[in-house]
């Protein structure tokens, strides 16, 4: 994953990432990127399930800085 962020305020986090990208993508577009996961652990798990169905993703990798928080997502997928 290019970006993995566990947060309770998904809209604000997508807005922040849109600004980080210098507005080249809207927050809505950020939410549709297959390599970006932003939301609560439950939302991230749901996104991964949906992306597996849509794109056929069986494996994902996350950046080292996201390992601890992503463990909560993995627990939901088991």
Protein backbone atom coordinates (compact mmCIF):
# COMPACT_ATOMS: atom_id res chain seq x y z
CA UNK A 1 0.00 0.00 0.00
CA UNK A 2 1.18 3.45 -0.82
CA UNK A 3 -0.64 4.90 2.18
CA UNK A 4 -2.25 3.12 5.10
CA UNK A 5 -3.81 5.30 7.77
CA UNK A 6 -6.03 4.13 10.59
CA UNK A 7 -8.26 6.98 11.72
CA UNK A 8 -11.74 7.69 13.02
CA UNK A 9 -12.02 10.73 10.73
CA UNK A 10 -11.75 9.29 7.24
CA UNK A 11 -12.92 12.45 5.47
CA UNK A 12 -10.32 14.66 7.16
CA UNK A 13 -7.54 12.15 6.49
CA UNK A 14 -8.46 11.95 2.81
CA UNK A 15 -8.49 15.75 2.66
CA UNK A 16 -5.03 15.85 4.26
CA UNK A 17 -3.69 13.35 1.76
CA UNK A 18 -5.24 15.31 -1.10
CA UNK A 19 -3.39 18.40 0.13
CA UNK A 20 -0.19 16.34 0.45
CA UNK A 21 -0.64 15.47 -3.23
CA UNK A 22 -0.95 19.21 -3.90
CA UNK A 23 -4.56 18.89 -4.95
CA UNK A 24 -3.83 16.70 -7.97
CA UNK A 25 -6.55 14.36 -6.69
CA UNK A 26 -9.72 15.24 -4.82
CA UNK A 27 -10.40 13.59 -1.46
CA UNK A 28 -13.01 11.43 -3.22
CA UNK A 29 -10.44 10.31 -5.79
CA UNK A 30 -7.97 9.54 -3.00
CA UNK A 31 -10.59 7.23 -1.51
CA UNK A 32 -10.83 5.29 -4.78
CA UNK A 33 -7.10 4.65 -5.18
CA UNK A 34 -6.39 0.91 -4.89
CA UNK A 35 -3.06 1.60 -3.15
CA UNK A 36 -4.50 3.86 -0.44
CA UNK A 37 -6.32 2.67 2.67
CA UNK A 38 -7.71 5.31 5.02
CA UNK A 39 -10.29 4.76 7.75
CA UNK A 40 -11.07 2.73 10.84
CA UNK A 41 -9.77 -0.83 11.07
CA UNK A 42 -13.24 -2.06 10.11
CA UNK A 43 -13.38 0.26 7.09
CA UNK A 44 -9.91 -0.85 5.97
CA UNK A 45 -10.91 -4.51 6.25
CA UNK A 46 -14.06 -3.81 4.21
CA UNK A 47 -12.00 -1.94 1.60
CA UNK A 48 -9.59 -4.85 1.27
CA UNK A 49 -12.42 -7.34 0.83
CA UNK A 50 -14.01 -5.12 -1.83
CA UNK A 51 -10.71 -4.62 -3.64
CA UNK A 52 -10.05 -8.33 -3.62
CA UNK A 53 -13.40 -8.89 -5.32
CA UNK A 54 -12.88 -6.03 -7.78
CA UNK A 55 -9.18 -6.29 -8.59
CA UNK A 56 -8.26 -9.81 -7.46
CA UNK A 57 -5.75 -8.67 -4.83
CA UNK A 58 -4.72 -11.61 -2.63
CA UNK A 59 -1.76 -9.99 -0.91
CA UNK A 60 -0.95 -6.50 0.25
CA UNK A 61 2.15 -4.93 1.70
CA UNK A 62 2.20 -1.94 3.98
CA UNK A 63 4.96 0.40 4.95
CA UNK A 64 6.87 -0.42 8.11
CA UNK A 65 5.44 2.62 9.88
CA UNK A 66 1.93 1.13 9.49
CA UNK A 67 2.69 -2.39 10.77
CA UNK A 68 1.41 -1.98 14.32
CA UNK A 69 -1.86 -0.29 13.39
CA UNK A 70 -2.43 -2.61 10.42
CA UNK A 71 -2.31 -5.61 12.76
CA UNK A 72 -5.83 -4.61 13.90
CA UNK A 73 -7.01 -4.88 10.29
CA UNK A 74 -5.43 -8.29 9.81
CA UNK A 75 -7.17 -9.55 12.94
CA UNK A 76 -10.52 -8.56 11.43
CA UNK A 77 -9.78 -10.41 8.19
CA UNK A 78 -8.96 -13.75 9.84
